[in-house]
């Protein structure tokens, strides 16, 4: 008698990357299981033609900037369904989006990083403010840990022990 077929199990991720983009710039927060929170942001020298391109470029720049800190499976959260769909299905009608998607894929593949893509509502996106040049707030950190820990007790305890001063800020030239 044959054994039942079980679908592949989702690998537990080691971090959650949340990105956002605006016509001003981009921002990203990386929430690691170690308790570290890394931040990266930048202003566009030349604004992308469409917001979906900006959102994809934000993921590309963040994954490139954070790659020394990416050690295993990664949850990536974006508030743009077009970008999420492209990365999950691998096709787009825009050459600009294809270029950004390929760049993201190259960074992740070159470091053996498997990524799961999920949607985050804009109002729950902790990277929203920094993509517009604002300072990171404690509420942004809380939103990120809620995403990372799915509002579990462990996440709330970790959140309480993570102060805003422990956030490592990275600056990337774009």
N, C-alpha and C. Protein backbone atom coordinates (compact mmCIF):
# COMPACT_ATOMS: atom_id res chain seq x y z
N UNK A 1 0.84 -1.18 0.00
CA UNK A 1 0.00 0.00 0.00
C UNK A 1 0.89 1.24 0.00
N UNK A 2 0.56 2.20 -0.83
CA UNK A 2 1.39 3.40 -0.89
C UNK A 2 1.05 4.37 0.24
N UNK A 3 2.08 5.11 0.56
CA UNK A 3 1.95 6.14 1.60
C UNK A 3 1.24 7.36 1.02
N UNK A 4 0.51 8.10 1.86
CA UNK A 4 -0.12 9.32 1.36
C UNK A 4 0.94 10.35 0.97
N UNK A 5 0.61 11.14 -0.01
CA UNK A 5 1.51 12.20 -0.45
C UNK A 5 1.25 13.43 0.40
N UNK A 6 2.30 13.95 0.97
CA UNK A 6 2.19 15.16 1.80
C UNK A 6 2.79 16.33 1.04
N UNK A 7 2.10 17.47 1.03
CA UNK A 7 2.69 18.64 0.35
C UNK A 7 3.95 19.07 1.07
N UNK A 8 4.88 19.68 0.35
CA UNK A 8 6.10 20.15 1.01
C UNK A 8 5.76 21.15 2.10
N UNK A 9 6.45 21.04 3.21
CA UNK A 9 6.23 21.94 4.33
C UNK A 9 6.98 23.24 4.10
N UNK A 10 6.35 24.33 4.49
CA UNK A 10 7.01 25.63 4.40
C UNK A 10 8.17 25.65 5.38
N UNK A 11 9.32 26.04 4.90
CA UNK A 11 10.48 26.15 5.78
C UNK A 11 10.28 27.30 6.75
N UNK A 12 10.62 27.10 8.01
CA UNK A 12 10.50 28.24 8.93
C UNK A 12 11.52 29.30 8.54
N UNK A 13 11.07 30.53 8.48
CA UNK A 13 11.97 31.60 8.07
C UNK A 13 12.84 32.04 9.24
N UNK A 14 13.95 32.68 8.91
CA UNK A 14 14.86 33.19 9.94
C UNK A 14 14.70 34.69 10.12
N UNK A 15 13.94 35.32 9.22
CA UNK A 15 13.76 36.77 9.29
C UNK A 15 12.58 37.19 8.43
N UNK A 16 12.07 38.38 8.72
CA UNK A 16 11.02 38.98 7.90
C UNK A 16 11.54 40.30 7.36
N UNK A 17 11.49 40.46 6.05
CA UNK A 17 11.88 41.69 5.38
C UNK A 17 10.61 42.40 4.93
N UNK A 18 10.44 43.63 5.38
CA UNK A 18 9.27 44.43 5.00
C UNK A 18 9.79 45.66 4.28
N UNK A 19 9.28 45.89 3.07
CA UNK A 19 9.75 47.02 2.27
C UNK A 19 8.58 47.90 1.86
N UNK A 20 8.92 49.13 1.49
CA UNK A 20 7.92 50.05 0.95
C UNK A 20 8.64 51.05 0.06
N UNK A 21 7.87 51.63 -0.84
CA UNK A 21 8.42 52.66 -1.72
C UNK A 21 7.38 53.75 -1.90
N UNK A 22 7.88 54.93 -2.14
CA UNK A 22 7.04 56.08 -2.48
C UNK A 22 7.74 56.77 -3.65
N UNK A 23 7.16 57.81 -4.15
CA UNK A 23 7.84 58.53 -5.22
C UNK A 23 9.01 59.34 -4.66
N UNK A 24 9.10 59.47 -3.34
CA UNK A 24 10.23 60.13 -2.68
C UNK A 24 11.43 59.18 -2.60
N UNK A 25 11.17 57.95 -2.14
CA UNK A 25 12.27 57.01 -1.91
C UNK A 25 11.76 55.65 -1.49
N UNK A 26 12.62 54.91 -0.79
CA UNK A 26 12.30 53.56 -0.38
C UNK A 26 12.75 53.33 1.06
N UNK A 27 12.18 52.31 1.67
CA UNK A 27 12.58 51.94 3.03
C UNK A 27 12.39 50.46 3.24
N UNK A 28 13.17 49.91 4.17
CA UNK A 28 13.08 48.48 4.47
C UNK A 28 13.47 48.24 5.92
N UNK A 29 12.79 47.30 6.53
CA UNK A 29 13.12 46.85 7.88
C UNK A 29 13.27 45.34 7.83
N UNK A 30 14.32 44.84 8.46
CA UNK A 30 14.56 43.40 8.55
C UNK A 30 14.46 43.00 10.01
N UNK A 31 13.51 42.14 10.31
CA UNK A 31 13.27 41.65 11.67
C UNK A 31 13.83 40.24 11.75
N UNK A 32 14.92 40.07 12.52
CA UNK A 32 15.60 38.78 12.61
C UNK A 32 15.17 38.03 13.87
N UNK A 33 15.21 36.71 13.80
CA UNK A 33 14.87 35.90 14.97
C UNK A 33 15.80 36.16 16.15
N UNK A 34 16.99 36.66 15.88
CA UNK A 34 17.94 36.97 16.95
C UNK A 34 17.49 38.16 17.78
N UNK A 35 16.49 38.90 17.29
CA UNK A 35 16.02 40.10 17.98
C UNK A 35 16.52 41.38 17.34
N UNK A 36 17.45 41.26 16.40
CA UNK A 36 17.95 42.44 15.71
C UNK A 36 16.90 43.00 14.76
N UNK A 37 16.90 44.31 14.64
CA UNK A 37 16.09 44.99 13.64
C UNK A 37 17.04 45.86 12.83
N UNK A 38 17.09 45.63 11.53
CA UNK A 38 17.95 46.40 10.65
C UNK A 38 17.09 47.28 9.77
N UNK A 39 17.54 48.48 9.51
CA UNK A 39 16.79 49.42 8.68
C UNK A 39 17.68 49.94 7.56
N UNK A 40 17.08 50.13 6.41
CA UNK A 40 17.78 50.73 5.27
C UNK A 40 16.78 51.59 4.51
N UNK A 41 17.25 52.69 3.98
CA UNK A 41 16.37 53.55 3.20
C UNK A 41 17.19 54.45 2.31
N UNK A 42 16.51 55.11 1.41
CA UNK A 42 17.19 56.05 0.52
C UNK A 42 16.18 56.84 -0.28
N UNK A 43 16.64 57.98 -0.78
CA UNK A 43 15.81 58.81 -1.66
C UNK A 43 16.20 58.49 -3.09
N UNK A 44 15.21 58.53 -3.98
CA UNK A 44 15.50 58.27 -5.39
C UNK A 44 16.26 59.45 -5.98
N UNK A 45 17.30 59.16 -6.73
CA UNK A 45 17.97 60.19 -7.50
C UNK A 45 17.07 60.56 -8.68
N UNK A 46 16.50 59.54 -9.30
CA UNK A 46 15.51 59.71 -10.37
C UNK A 46 14.36 58.78 -10.02
N UNK A 47 13.19 59.35 -9.82
CA UNK A 47 12.03 58.55 -9.41
C UNK A 47 11.66 57.55 -10.51
N UNK A 48 11.31 56.32 -10.12
CA UNK A 48 10.84 55.34 -11.11
C UNK A 48 9.57 55.84 -11.79
N UNK A 49 9.28 55.30 -12.96
CA UNK A 49 8.11 55.73 -13.72
C UNK A 49 6.79 55.28 -13.11
N UNK A 50 6.79 54.15 -12.42
CA UNK A 50 5.55 53.65 -11.83
C UNK A 50 5.84 53.11 -10.44
N UNK A 51 4.83 53.15 -9.58
CA UNK A 51 5.03 52.76 -8.19
C UNK A 51 5.39 51.28 -8.06
N UNK A 52 4.86 50.43 -8.93
CA UNK A 52 5.21 49.01 -8.86
C UNK A 52 6.71 48.80 -9.09
N UNK A 53 7.27 49.57 -10.00
CA UNK A 53 8.72 49.49 -10.25
C UNK A 53 9.48 49.95 -9.01
N UNK A 54 9.01 51.02 -8.37
CA UNK A 54 9.65 51.52 -7.15
C UNK A 54 9.58 50.47 -6.04
N UNK A 55 8.42 49.83 -5.90
CA UNK A 55 8.25 48.80 -4.86
C UNK A 55 9.20 47.63 -5.10
N UNK A 56 9.32 47.19 -6.35
CA UNK A 56 10.23 46.09 -6.67
C UNK A 56 11.68 46.50 -6.44
N UNK A 57 12.01 47.73 -6.81
CA UNK A 57 13.38 48.21 -6.60
C UNK A 57 13.70 48.28 -5.11
N UNK A 58 12.73 48.63 -4.29
CA UNK A 58 12.94 48.67 -2.83
C UNK A 58 13.33 47.28 -2.32
N UNK A 59 12.65 46.24 -2.79
CA UNK A 59 12.99 44.88 -2.37
C UNK A 59 14.39 44.52 -2.86
N UNK A 60 14.71 44.89 -4.09
CA UNK A 60 16.03 44.61 -4.64
C UNK A 60 17.12 45.29 -3.81
N UNK A 61 16.97 46.58 -3.56
CA UNK A 61 17.99 47.31 -2.80
C UNK A 61 18.12 46.78 -1.38
N UNK A 62 16.98 46.46 -0.76
CA UNK A 62 17.01 45.93 0.61
C UNK A 62 17.68 44.55 0.65
N UNK A 63 17.32 43.68 -0.26
CA UNK A 63 17.92 42.34 -0.26
C UNK A 63 19.42 42.42 -0.54
N UNK A 64 19.81 43.32 -1.40
CA UNK A 64 21.24 43.51 -1.69
C UNK A 64 21.97 44.08 -0.46
N UNK A 65 21.36 45.08 0.17
CA UNK A 65 22.00 45.70 1.33
C UNK A 65 22.05 44.80 2.55
N UNK A 66 21.04 43.98 2.72
CA UNK A 66 20.96 43.11 3.90
C UNK A 66 21.58 41.74 3.68
N UNK A 67 22.08 41.44 2.49
CA UNK A 67 22.50 40.06 2.19
C UNK A 67 23.51 39.49 3.18
N UNK A 68 24.42 40.27 3.78
CA UNK A 68 25.30 39.66 4.79
C UNK A 68 24.53 39.19 6.04
N UNK A 69 23.32 39.69 6.22
CA UNK A 69 22.52 39.37 7.40
C UNK A 69 21.45 38.32 7.11
N UNK A 70 21.36 37.88 5.86
CA UNK A 70 20.37 36.87 5.49
C UNK A 70 21.02 35.50 5.56
N UNK A 71 20.50 34.67 6.45
CA UNK A 71 21.16 33.39 6.70
C UNK A 71 20.29 32.18 6.41
N UNK A 72 19.08 32.38 6.00
CA UNK A 72 18.20 31.24 5.75
C UNK A 72 16.91 31.70 5.11
N UNK A 73 15.90 30.83 5.18
CA UNK A 73 14.62 31.19 4.57
C UNK A 73 14.12 32.55 5.05
N UNK A 74 13.49 33.29 4.14
CA UNK A 74 13.12 34.67 4.40
C UNK A 74 11.66 34.90 4.05
N UNK A 75 10.94 35.58 4.95
CA UNK A 75 9.60 36.07 4.65
C UNK A 75 9.76 37.47 4.09
N UNK A 76 9.20 37.74 2.93
CA UNK A 76 9.23 39.09 2.36
C UNK A 76 7.81 39.60 2.31
N UNK A 77 7.58 40.77 2.88
CA UNK A 77 6.25 41.37 2.92
C UNK A 77 6.26 42.66 2.12
N UNK A 78 5.33 42.77 1.18
CA UNK A 78 5.19 43.97 0.37
C UNK A 78 3.73 44.39 0.35
N UNK A 79 3.51 45.69 0.15
CA UNK A 79 2.12 46.17 0.09
C UNK A 79 1.68 46.46 -1.34
N UNK A 80 2.32 45.78 -2.28
CA UNK A 80 2.00 45.96 -3.69
C UNK A 80 1.71 44.59 -4.30
N UNK A 81 0.46 44.36 -4.65
CA UNK A 81 0.07 43.04 -5.15
C UNK A 81 0.69 42.72 -6.51
N UNK A 82 1.00 43.73 -7.29
CA UNK A 82 1.65 43.50 -8.59
C UNK A 82 3.03 42.88 -8.38
N UNK A 83 3.81 43.47 -7.49
CA UNK A 83 5.16 42.95 -7.21
C UNK A 83 5.07 41.56 -6.61
N UNK A 84 4.16 41.37 -5.67
CA UNK A 84 4.01 40.06 -5.05
C UNK A 84 3.66 39.00 -6.10
N UNK A 85 2.74 39.34 -6.99
CA UNK A 85 2.34 38.41 -8.04
C UNK A 85 3.48 38.06 -8.98
N UNK A 86 4.27 39.07 -9.35
CA UNK A 86 5.41 38.83 -10.24
C UNK A 86 6.40 37.88 -9.59
N UNK A 87 6.69 38.10 -8.32
CA UNK A 87 7.68 37.27 -7.64
C UNK A 87 7.16 35.86 -7.37
N UNK A 88 5.86 35.71 -7.21
CA UNK A 88 5.30 34.38 -6.99
C UNK A 88 5.13 33.61 -8.29
N UNK A 89 4.73 34.31 -9.35
CA UNK A 89 4.42 33.63 -10.61
C UNK A 89 5.52 33.77 -11.66
N UNK A 90 6.36 34.78 -11.51
CA UNK A 90 7.50 34.93 -12.40
C UNK A 90 7.24 35.55 -13.76
N UNK A 91 6.13 36.26 -13.93
CA UNK A 91 5.92 36.92 -15.22
C UNK A 91 5.36 38.32 -15.03
N UNK A 92 5.66 39.18 -15.99
CA UNK A 92 5.18 40.56 -15.96
C UNK A 92 5.11 41.08 -17.39
N UNK A 93 4.30 42.08 -17.59
CA UNK A 93 4.18 42.69 -18.92
C UNK A 93 5.07 43.92 -19.06
N UNK A 94 5.73 44.31 -18.00
CA UNK A 94 6.57 45.50 -18.00
C UNK A 94 8.04 45.09 -17.95
N UNK A 95 8.83 45.57 -18.90
CA UNK A 95 10.26 45.27 -18.91
C UNK A 95 10.96 45.80 -17.65
N UNK A 96 10.51 46.95 -17.16
CA UNK A 96 11.10 47.52 -15.94
C UNK A 96 10.87 46.59 -14.75
N UNK A 97 9.67 46.02 -14.66
CA UNK A 97 9.37 45.10 -13.55
C UNK A 97 10.12 43.78 -13.71
N UNK A 98 10.24 43.31 -14.92
CA UNK A 98 11.00 42.08 -15.17
C UNK A 98 12.45 42.28 -14.75
N UNK A 99 13.01 43.43 -15.09
CA UNK A 99 14.40 43.74 -14.73
C UNK A 99 14.58 43.73 -13.21
N UNK A 100 13.67 44.37 -12.48
CA UNK A 100 13.78 44.40 -11.02
C UNK A 100 13.58 43.01 -10.42
N UNK A 101 12.60 42.26 -10.94
CA UNK A 101 12.35 40.91 -10.44
C UNK A 101 13.57 40.02 -10.65
N UNK A 102 14.21 40.13 -11.80
CA UNK A 102 15.42 39.36 -12.07
C UNK A 102 16.55 39.75 -11.13
N UNK A 103 16.67 41.03 -10.83
CA UNK A 103 17.71 41.50 -9.91
C UNK A 103 17.48 40.94 -8.50
N UNK A 104 16.22 40.94 -8.05
CA UNK A 104 15.89 40.36 -6.74
C UNK A 104 16.26 38.88 -6.73
N UNK A 105 15.84 38.18 -7.76
CA UNK A 105 16.09 36.74 -7.85
C UNK A 105 17.59 36.43 -7.84
N UNK A 106 18.38 37.23 -8.55
CA UNK A 106 19.84 37.01 -8.58
C UNK A 106 20.44 37.16 -7.19
N UNK A 107 20.03 38.19 -6.45
CA UNK A 107 20.58 38.40 -5.10
C UNK A 107 20.22 37.22 -4.20
N UNK A 108 18.95 36.84 -4.20
CA UNK A 108 18.52 35.75 -3.32
C UNK A 108 19.16 34.43 -3.71
N UNK A 109 19.17 34.11 -4.99
CA UNK A 109 19.74 32.84 -5.45
C UNK A 109 21.25 32.76 -5.21
N UNK A 110 21.94 33.88 -5.39
CA UNK A 110 23.40 33.86 -5.20
C UNK A 110 23.79 33.57 -3.76
N UNK A 111 22.86 33.76 -2.84
CA UNK A 111 23.13 33.46 -1.43
C UNK A 111 22.31 32.28 -0.92
N UNK A 112 21.68 31.57 -1.84
CA UNK A 112 20.91 30.38 -1.45
C UNK A 112 19.73 30.69 -0.55
N UNK A 113 19.14 31.86 -0.71
CA UNK A 113 18.03 32.27 0.15
C UNK A 113 16.70 31.92 -0.53
N UNK A 114 15.90 31.14 0.17
CA UNK A 114 14.54 30.83 -0.28
C UNK A 114 13.61 31.87 0.33
N UNK A 115 12.75 32.46 -0.47
CA UNK A 115 11.85 33.51 0.02
C UNK A 115 10.39 33.12 -0.17
N UNK A 116 9.58 33.44 0.83
CA UNK A 116 8.12 33.34 0.76
C UNK A 116 7.60 34.77 0.70
N UNK A 117 6.71 35.06 -0.23
CA UNK A 117 6.18 36.41 -0.42
C UNK A 117 4.78 36.51 0.15
N UNK A 118 4.51 37.59 0.88
CA UNK A 118 3.19 37.82 1.46
C UNK A 118 2.81 39.29 1.31
N UNK A 119 1.52 39.52 1.31
CA UNK A 119 0.99 40.88 1.24
C UNK A 119 0.84 41.44 2.64
N UNK A 120 1.18 42.71 2.81
CA UNK A 120 0.90 43.43 4.05
C UNK A 120 0.13 44.69 3.65
N UNK A 121 -0.96 44.95 4.34
CA UNK A 121 -1.75 46.15 4.06
C UNK A 121 -0.90 47.39 4.32
N UNK A 122 -1.06 48.40 3.50
CA UNK A 122 -0.25 49.61 3.61
C UNK A 122 -0.26 50.20 5.02
N UNK A 123 -1.43 50.22 5.65
CA UNK A 123 -1.52 50.82 6.99
C UNK A 123 -0.81 49.98 8.05
N UNK A 124 -0.50 48.73 7.75
CA UNK A 124 0.24 47.86 8.67
C UNK A 124 1.71 47.72 8.28
N UNK A 125 2.13 48.42 7.24
CA UNK A 125 3.49 48.29 6.75
C UNK A 125 4.44 49.17 7.57
N UNK A 126 5.34 48.55 8.34
CA UNK A 126 6.24 49.34 9.19
C UNK A 126 7.28 50.15 8.41
N UNK A 127 7.47 49.85 7.13
CA UNK A 127 8.46 50.58 6.32
C UNK A 127 7.85 51.79 5.61
N UNK A 128 6.56 52.02 5.79
CA UNK A 128 5.87 53.10 5.09
C UNK A 128 6.50 54.47 5.38
N UNK A 129 6.71 54.79 6.63
CA UNK A 129 7.24 56.11 7.00
C UNK A 129 8.65 56.35 6.49
N UNK A 130 9.52 55.34 6.65
CA UNK A 130 10.90 55.57 6.23
C UNK A 130 11.04 55.66 4.71
N UNK A 131 10.08 55.11 3.97
CA UNK A 131 10.13 55.27 2.51
C UNK A 131 9.81 56.70 2.10
N UNK A 132 9.28 57.46 3.04
CA UNK A 132 8.95 58.87 2.79
C UNK A 132 9.89 59.82 3.53
N UNK A 133 11.01 59.28 4.02
CA UNK A 133 12.01 60.11 4.67
C UNK A 133 11.75 60.40 6.13
N UNK A 134 10.79 59.71 6.74
CA UNK A 134 10.48 59.94 8.16
C UNK A 134 11.34 59.05 9.04
N UNK A 135 11.41 59.40 10.32
CA UNK A 135 12.14 58.59 11.29
C UNK A 135 11.36 57.33 11.62
N UNK A 136 12.08 56.29 12.02
CA UNK A 136 11.43 55.06 12.48
C UNK A 136 10.82 55.33 13.84
N UNK A 137 9.58 54.90 14.01
CA UNK A 137 8.88 55.09 15.28
C UNK A 137 8.77 53.74 15.99
N UNK A 138 8.55 53.81 17.30
CA UNK A 138 8.35 52.58 18.06
C UNK A 138 7.16 51.80 17.51
N UNK A 139 6.14 52.50 17.05
CA UNK A 139 4.97 51.80 16.49
C UNK A 139 5.34 51.04 15.21
N UNK A 140 6.32 51.54 14.45
CA UNK A 140 6.78 50.81 13.26
C UNK A 140 7.44 49.49 13.67
N UNK A 141 8.25 49.56 14.71
CA UNK A 141 8.90 48.35 15.22
C UNK A 141 7.85 47.36 15.71
N UNK A 142 6.85 47.87 16.42
CA UNK A 142 5.78 47.01 16.92
C UNK A 142 5.03 46.34 15.77
N UNK A 143 4.72 47.09 14.73
CA UNK A 143 4.04 46.51 13.56
C UNK A 143 4.88 45.38 12.95
N UNK A 144 6.17 45.62 12.86
CA UNK A 144 7.06 44.61 12.28
C UNK A 144 7.12 43.34 13.10
N UNK A 145 7.24 43.50 14.41
CA UNK A 145 7.26 42.30 15.26
C UNK A 145 5.92 41.59 15.24
N UNK A 146 4.84 42.34 15.11
CA UNK A 146 3.54 41.69 15.00
C UNK A 146 3.46 40.86 13.72
N UNK A 147 4.03 41.37 12.64
CA UNK A 147 4.10 40.58 11.41
C UNK A 147 4.99 39.36 11.61
N UNK A 148 6.15 39.58 12.21
CA UNK A 148 7.13 38.50 12.38
C UNK A 148 6.59 37.41 13.29
N UNK A 149 6.02 37.79 14.35
CA UNK A 149 5.58 36.83 15.37
C UNK A 149 4.10 36.51 15.32
N UNK A 150 3.42 37.11 14.37
CA UNK A 150 1.98 36.92 14.23
C UNK A 150 1.26 37.16 15.55
N UNK A 151 1.69 38.23 16.22
CA UNK A 151 1.09 38.72 17.45
C UNK A 151 1.07 37.68 18.57
N UNK A 152 2.05 36.79 18.54
CA UNK A 152 2.13 35.78 19.60
C UNK A 152 2.77 36.36 20.85
N UNK A 153 2.66 35.67 21.94
CA UNK A 153 3.27 36.11 23.20
C UNK A 153 4.77 36.27 23.04
N UNK A 154 5.41 35.34 22.33
CA UNK A 154 6.86 35.43 22.15
C UNK A 154 7.24 36.73 21.45
N UNK A 155 6.47 37.11 20.45
CA UNK A 155 6.75 38.34 19.72
C UNK A 155 6.58 39.56 20.58
N UNK A 156 5.54 39.58 21.40
CA UNK A 156 5.32 40.74 22.25
C UNK A 156 6.41 40.87 23.30
N UNK A 157 6.89 39.76 23.85
CA UNK A 157 7.99 39.81 24.81
C UNK A 157 9.25 40.33 24.13
N UNK A 158 9.52 39.83 22.92
CA UNK A 158 10.69 40.29 22.19
C UNK A 158 10.57 41.76 21.84
N UNK A 159 9.38 42.19 21.46
CA UNK A 159 9.14 43.59 21.14
C UNK A 159 9.46 44.48 22.34
N UNK A 160 9.02 44.07 23.51
CA UNK A 160 9.24 44.89 24.70
C UNK A 160 10.72 45.01 25.03
N UNK A 161 11.52 44.02 24.64
CA UNK A 161 12.94 44.09 24.95
C UNK A 161 13.75 44.74 23.82
N UNK A 162 13.10 45.12 22.75
CA UNK A 162 13.79 45.76 21.62
C UNK A 162 13.52 47.25 21.66
N UNK A 163 14.53 48.02 21.97
CA UNK A 163 14.34 49.47 22.02
C UNK A 163 14.69 50.06 20.66
N UNK A 164 14.17 51.23 20.43
CA UNK A 164 14.42 51.90 19.15
C UNK A 164 15.91 52.17 18.97
N UNK A 165 16.66 52.32 20.06
CA UNK A 165 18.09 52.60 19.94
C UNK A 165 18.86 51.37 19.48
N UNK A 166 18.26 50.18 19.56
CA UNK A 166 18.98 48.99 19.13
C UNK A 166 18.82 48.72 17.64
N UNK A 167 18.08 49.58 16.95
CA UNK A 167 17.90 49.40 15.52
C UNK A 167 19.18 49.83 14.80
N UNK A 168 19.74 48.92 14.02
CA UNK A 168 20.92 49.22 13.23
C UNK A 168 20.48 49.86 11.93
N UNK A 169 20.96 51.03 11.67
CA UNK A 169 20.54 51.75 10.47
C UNK A 169 21.61 51.59 9.40
N UNK A 170 21.20 51.24 8.22
CA UNK A 170 22.12 51.09 7.10
C UNK A 170 21.75 52.12 6.04
N UNK A 171 22.73 52.71 5.44
CA UNK A 171 22.48 53.66 4.37
C UNK A 171 23.09 53.12 3.09
N UNK A 172 22.29 53.08 2.07
CA UNK A 172 22.76 52.61 0.77
C UNK A 172 22.68 53.76 -0.21
N UNK A 173 23.66 53.87 -1.04
CA UNK A 173 23.67 54.89 -2.08
C UNK A 173 22.93 54.32 -3.29
N UNK A 174 21.88 55.02 -3.72
CA UNK A 174 21.14 54.56 -4.91
C UNK A 174 21.21 55.60 -6.00
